[in-house]
């Protein structure tokens, strides 16, 4: 979670995304979309990370598994705090493999 300094609005990571700009080439450029939980966020607000998950799975890892390494989908089921839609997809892939 992230909290902008100036106005103290709490943000939560809500989904991962891949950049879809053709000029970025073939690289895996990913990020996390955030949503405000308790107020507005304005351009230029500073942010502070107030919580990070205990796992080391990144949005790039999820993108790679989703697009190229589907055989590793079951490994995502071991990650606490994974988005429900990613967990459901991983479960469906793990079932298809086994």
N, C-alpha and C. Protein backbone atom coordinates (compact mmCIF):
# COMPACT_ATOMS: atom_id res chain seq x y z
N UNK A 1 0.84 -1.17 0.00
CA UNK A 1 0.00 0.00 0.00
C UNK A 1 0.88 1.24 0.00
N UNK A 2 0.35 2.30 -0.53
CA UNK A 2 1.10 3.53 -0.66
C UNK A 2 0.27 4.66 -0.07
N UNK A 3 0.92 5.56 0.64
CA UNK A 3 0.22 6.72 1.19
C UNK A 3 0.91 7.99 0.70
N UNK A 4 0.19 8.85 -0.08
CA UNK A 4 0.77 10.13 -0.46
C UNK A 4 1.00 10.98 0.78
N UNK A 5 2.13 11.65 0.85
CA UNK A 5 2.51 12.44 2.02
C UNK A 5 1.56 13.59 2.27
N UNK A 6 1.31 14.40 1.27
CA UNK A 6 0.64 15.68 1.48
C UNK A 6 -0.78 15.53 2.01
N UNK A 7 -1.55 14.63 1.47
CA UNK A 7 -2.96 14.55 1.82
C UNK A 7 -3.32 13.29 2.58
N UNK A 8 -2.38 12.40 2.73
CA UNK A 8 -2.57 11.20 3.51
C UNK A 8 -3.73 10.33 3.04
N UNK A 9 -3.79 10.06 1.75
CA UNK A 9 -4.78 9.14 1.17
C UNK A 9 -4.12 7.78 1.01
N UNK A 10 -4.76 6.74 1.48
CA UNK A 10 -4.23 5.39 1.37
C UNK A 10 -4.58 4.81 0.01
N UNK A 11 -3.56 4.28 -0.69
CA UNK A 11 -3.75 3.62 -1.99
C UNK A 11 -3.48 2.13 -1.83
N UNK A 12 -4.18 1.34 -2.62
CA UNK A 12 -3.94 -0.10 -2.61
C UNK A 12 -3.69 -0.57 -4.03
N UNK A 13 -2.74 -1.49 -4.19
CA UNK A 13 -2.51 -2.11 -5.49
C UNK A 13 -3.75 -2.92 -5.83
N UNK A 14 -4.29 -2.70 -7.02
CA UNK A 14 -5.52 -3.41 -7.37
C UNK A 14 -5.35 -4.35 -8.54
N UNK A 15 -4.39 -4.10 -9.42
CA UNK A 15 -4.17 -5.04 -10.52
C UNK A 15 -2.84 -4.73 -11.19
N UNK A 16 -2.31 -5.74 -11.83
CA UNK A 16 -1.10 -5.56 -12.61
C UNK A 16 -1.47 -5.19 -14.03
N UNK A 17 -0.51 -4.65 -14.75
CA UNK A 17 -0.77 -4.31 -16.14
C UNK A 17 0.54 -4.38 -16.91
N UNK A 18 0.41 -4.58 -18.19
CA UNK A 18 1.56 -4.57 -19.08
C UNK A 18 1.44 -3.36 -19.99
N UNK A 19 2.54 -2.67 -20.20
CA UNK A 19 2.53 -1.53 -21.10
C UNK A 19 2.24 -2.01 -22.51
N UNK A 20 1.35 -1.33 -23.20
CA UNK A 20 0.95 -1.75 -24.53
C UNK A 20 1.37 -0.73 -25.58
N UNK A 21 2.49 -0.11 -25.40
CA UNK A 21 2.97 0.89 -26.35
C UNK A 21 3.93 0.24 -27.33
N UNK A 22 3.67 0.36 -28.64
CA UNK A 22 4.51 -0.32 -29.64
C UNK A 22 5.96 0.13 -29.61
N UNK A 23 6.25 1.34 -29.19
CA UNK A 23 7.63 1.83 -29.18
C UNK A 23 8.46 1.24 -28.05
N UNK A 24 7.83 0.48 -27.13
CA UNK A 24 8.58 -0.13 -26.04
C UNK A 24 9.28 -1.40 -26.48
N UNK A 25 8.94 -1.92 -27.64
CA UNK A 25 9.59 -3.12 -28.14
C UNK A 25 9.09 -4.37 -27.44
N UNK A 26 9.94 -5.37 -27.37
CA UNK A 26 9.56 -6.67 -26.85
C UNK A 26 9.77 -6.81 -25.34
N UNK A 27 10.29 -5.81 -24.68
CA UNK A 27 10.58 -5.92 -23.25
C UNK A 27 9.33 -6.11 -22.42
N UNK A 28 9.48 -6.72 -21.26
CA UNK A 28 8.35 -6.92 -20.35
C UNK A 28 8.27 -5.72 -19.43
N UNK A 29 7.51 -4.72 -19.82
CA UNK A 29 7.33 -3.52 -19.02
C UNK A 29 6.00 -3.64 -18.31
N UNK A 30 6.05 -3.77 -17.02
CA UNK A 30 4.83 -3.99 -16.25
C UNK A 30 4.71 -2.93 -15.16
N UNK A 31 3.58 -2.92 -14.54
CA UNK A 31 3.35 -2.00 -13.43
C UNK A 31 2.14 -2.47 -12.64
N UNK A 32 1.81 -1.69 -11.65
CA UNK A 32 0.66 -2.00 -10.80
C UNK A 32 -0.26 -0.79 -10.80
N UNK A 33 -1.53 -1.01 -11.07
CA UNK A 33 -2.52 0.05 -10.92
C UNK A 33 -2.89 0.15 -9.46
N UNK A 34 -3.11 1.38 -9.01
CA UNK A 34 -3.47 1.62 -7.61
C UNK A 34 -4.80 2.33 -7.55
N UNK A 35 -5.54 2.08 -6.47
CA UNK A 35 -6.80 2.78 -6.29
C UNK A 35 -6.82 3.41 -4.90
N UNK A 36 -7.39 4.63 -4.80
CA UNK A 36 -7.47 5.28 -3.50
C UNK A 36 -8.51 4.61 -2.62
N UNK A 37 -8.17 4.42 -1.35
CA UNK A 37 -9.10 3.78 -0.41
C UNK A 37 -9.87 4.79 0.43
N UNK A 38 -9.29 5.97 0.65
CA UNK A 38 -9.96 6.88 1.59
C UNK A 38 -9.82 8.36 1.24
N UNK A 39 -9.73 8.68 -0.03
CA UNK A 39 -9.67 10.09 -0.41
C UNK A 39 -9.05 10.28 -1.78
N UNK A 40 -8.95 11.54 -2.23
CA UNK A 40 -8.41 11.81 -3.57
C UNK A 40 -6.89 11.80 -3.61
N UNK A 41 -6.37 11.62 -4.81
CA UNK A 41 -4.94 11.71 -5.06
C UNK A 41 -4.77 12.73 -6.18
N UNK A 42 -3.75 13.58 -6.04
CA UNK A 42 -3.54 14.65 -7.01
C UNK A 42 -2.17 14.51 -7.66
N UNK A 43 -2.07 15.01 -8.88
CA UNK A 43 -0.80 15.02 -9.60
C UNK A 43 0.25 15.72 -8.74
N UNK A 44 1.40 15.11 -8.62
CA UNK A 44 2.49 15.70 -7.87
C UNK A 44 2.55 15.29 -6.41
N UNK A 45 1.54 14.57 -5.91
CA UNK A 45 1.58 14.10 -4.52
C UNK A 45 2.76 13.16 -4.34
N UNK A 46 3.47 13.31 -3.23
CA UNK A 46 4.52 12.36 -2.87
C UNK A 46 3.85 11.14 -2.26
N UNK A 47 4.55 10.00 -2.34
CA UNK A 47 3.99 8.77 -1.77
C UNK A 47 5.00 8.09 -0.87
N UNK A 48 4.49 7.30 0.05
CA UNK A 48 5.31 6.50 0.95
C UNK A 48 4.74 5.09 0.96
N UNK A 49 5.57 4.09 0.78
CA UNK A 49 5.13 2.70 0.86
C UNK A 49 4.97 2.35 2.34
N UNK A 50 3.74 1.94 2.72
CA UNK A 50 3.49 1.62 4.12
C UNK A 50 3.32 0.12 4.35
N UNK A 51 3.23 -0.66 3.27
CA UNK A 51 3.14 -2.12 3.40
C UNK A 51 3.59 -2.75 2.09
N UNK A 52 4.39 -3.80 2.20
CA UNK A 52 4.76 -4.62 1.05
C UNK A 52 4.48 -6.07 1.41
N UNK A 53 3.99 -6.85 0.46
CA UNK A 53 3.73 -8.27 0.73
C UNK A 53 5.02 -9.01 1.10
N UNK A 54 4.86 -10.12 1.79
CA UNK A 54 6.01 -10.92 2.22
C UNK A 54 6.59 -11.78 1.10
N UNK A 55 5.90 -11.90 -0.02
CA UNK A 55 6.41 -12.73 -1.11
C UNK A 55 7.27 -11.89 -2.05
N UNK A 56 7.99 -12.56 -2.95
CA UNK A 56 8.85 -11.84 -3.89
C UNK A 56 8.36 -11.95 -5.33
N UNK A 57 7.08 -12.27 -5.51
CA UNK A 57 6.50 -12.37 -6.84
C UNK A 57 6.20 -10.95 -7.34
N UNK A 58 6.65 -10.64 -8.54
CA UNK A 58 6.44 -9.31 -9.11
C UNK A 58 5.37 -9.36 -10.20
N UNK A 59 4.93 -8.18 -10.62
CA UNK A 59 3.98 -8.14 -11.73
C UNK A 59 4.62 -8.70 -13.00
N UNK A 60 5.92 -8.53 -13.16
CA UNK A 60 6.62 -9.11 -14.31
C UNK A 60 6.58 -10.64 -14.27
N UNK A 61 6.71 -11.22 -13.06
CA UNK A 61 6.62 -12.68 -12.92
C UNK A 61 5.24 -13.18 -13.34
N UNK A 62 4.20 -12.50 -12.88
CA UNK A 62 2.83 -12.91 -13.22
C UNK A 62 2.61 -12.79 -14.72
N UNK A 63 3.07 -11.69 -15.32
CA UNK A 63 2.93 -11.51 -16.77
C UNK A 63 3.66 -12.62 -17.53
N UNK A 64 4.88 -12.93 -17.12
CA UNK A 64 5.66 -13.97 -17.79
C UNK A 64 4.96 -15.32 -17.71
N UNK A 65 4.46 -15.65 -16.52
CA UNK A 65 3.77 -16.94 -16.35
C UNK A 65 2.48 -16.96 -17.16
N UNK A 66 1.78 -15.84 -17.20
CA UNK A 66 0.51 -15.77 -17.92
C UNK A 66 0.71 -15.86 -19.43
N UNK A 67 1.79 -15.29 -19.94
CA UNK A 67 1.97 -15.23 -21.38
C UNK A 67 2.88 -16.30 -21.96
N UNK A 68 3.91 -16.72 -21.21
CA UNK A 68 4.89 -17.66 -21.78
C UNK A 68 5.05 -18.95 -21.02
N UNK A 69 5.02 -18.87 -19.70
CA UNK A 69 5.37 -20.02 -18.87
C UNK A 69 4.17 -20.55 -18.10
N UNK A 70 3.08 -20.83 -18.83
CA UNK A 70 1.84 -21.26 -18.18
C UNK A 70 2.02 -22.52 -17.35
N UNK A 71 3.02 -23.31 -17.67
CA UNK A 71 3.28 -24.52 -16.89
C UNK A 71 3.68 -24.19 -15.45
N UNK A 72 4.03 -22.94 -15.17
CA UNK A 72 4.39 -22.51 -13.82
C UNK A 72 3.22 -21.89 -13.06
N UNK A 73 2.03 -21.94 -13.62
CA UNK A 73 0.86 -21.29 -13.01
C UNK A 73 0.60 -21.80 -11.59
N UNK A 74 0.82 -23.07 -11.34
CA UNK A 74 0.57 -23.63 -10.00
C UNK A 74 1.42 -22.94 -8.94
N UNK A 75 2.60 -22.44 -9.32
CA UNK A 75 3.46 -21.76 -8.33
C UNK A 75 2.80 -20.49 -7.80
N UNK A 76 1.92 -19.87 -8.58
CA UNK A 76 1.23 -18.67 -8.12
C UNK A 76 0.22 -18.97 -7.01
N UNK A 77 -0.25 -20.20 -6.95
CA UNK A 77 -1.23 -20.57 -5.92
C UNK A 77 -0.63 -20.57 -4.53
N UNK A 78 0.69 -20.57 -4.44
CA UNK A 78 1.38 -20.55 -3.14
C UNK A 78 1.58 -19.14 -2.61
N UNK A 79 1.20 -18.12 -3.39
CA UNK A 79 1.44 -16.72 -3.03
C UNK A 79 0.25 -16.17 -2.25
N UNK A 80 0.49 -15.73 -1.02
CA UNK A 80 -0.56 -15.08 -0.23
C UNK A 80 -0.81 -13.68 -0.77
N UNK A 81 -2.06 -13.27 -0.79
CA UNK A 81 -2.41 -11.92 -1.19
C UNK A 81 -2.49 -11.70 -2.68
N UNK A 82 -2.47 -12.76 -3.46
CA UNK A 82 -2.58 -12.63 -4.91
C UNK A 82 -4.01 -12.21 -5.27
N UNK A 83 -4.16 -11.37 -6.28
CA UNK A 83 -5.49 -10.94 -6.72
C UNK A 83 -6.35 -12.15 -7.05
N UNK A 84 -7.63 -12.07 -6.70
CA UNK A 84 -8.55 -13.19 -6.90
C UNK A 84 -8.59 -13.65 -8.35
N UNK A 85 -8.61 -12.71 -9.29
CA UNK A 85 -8.70 -13.12 -10.70
C UNK A 85 -7.44 -13.83 -11.17
N UNK A 86 -6.27 -13.46 -10.63
CA UNK A 86 -5.03 -14.15 -10.98
C UNK A 86 -5.02 -15.54 -10.36
N UNK A 87 -5.47 -15.63 -9.11
CA UNK A 87 -5.55 -16.93 -8.42
C UNK A 87 -6.49 -17.87 -9.17
N UNK A 88 -7.65 -17.37 -9.61
CA UNK A 88 -8.61 -18.20 -10.35
C UNK A 88 -8.00 -18.68 -11.66
N UNK A 89 -7.30 -17.78 -12.36
CA UNK A 89 -6.65 -18.18 -13.61
C UNK A 89 -5.59 -19.24 -13.34
N UNK A 90 -4.76 -19.02 -12.32
CA UNK A 90 -3.70 -19.99 -11.99
C UNK A 90 -4.30 -21.34 -11.64
N UNK A 91 -5.38 -21.33 -10.89
CA UNK A 91 -6.06 -22.59 -10.52
C UNK A 91 -6.56 -23.31 -11.78
N UNK A 92 -7.13 -22.56 -12.71
CA UNK A 92 -7.64 -23.19 -13.94
C UNK A 92 -6.50 -23.76 -14.77
N UNK A 93 -5.36 -23.07 -14.81
CA UNK A 93 -4.22 -23.56 -15.55
C UNK A 93 -3.59 -24.78 -14.89
N UNK A 94 -3.50 -24.74 -13.56
CA UNK A 94 -2.92 -25.86 -12.83
C UNK A 94 -3.78 -27.11 -13.02
N UNK A 95 -5.10 -26.94 -13.06
CA UNK A 95 -6.00 -28.06 -13.29
C UNK A 95 -5.87 -28.61 -14.70
N UNK A 96 -5.59 -27.73 -15.65
CA UNK A 96 -5.43 -28.16 -17.05
C UNK A 96 -4.15 -28.93 -17.24
N UNK A 97 -3.13 -28.60 -16.41
CA UNK A 97 -1.84 -29.28 -16.54
C UNK A 97 -1.83 -30.65 -15.86
N UNK A 98 -2.69 -30.81 -14.86
CA UNK A 98 -2.58 -32.03 -14.09
C UNK A 98 -3.72 -32.91 -14.22
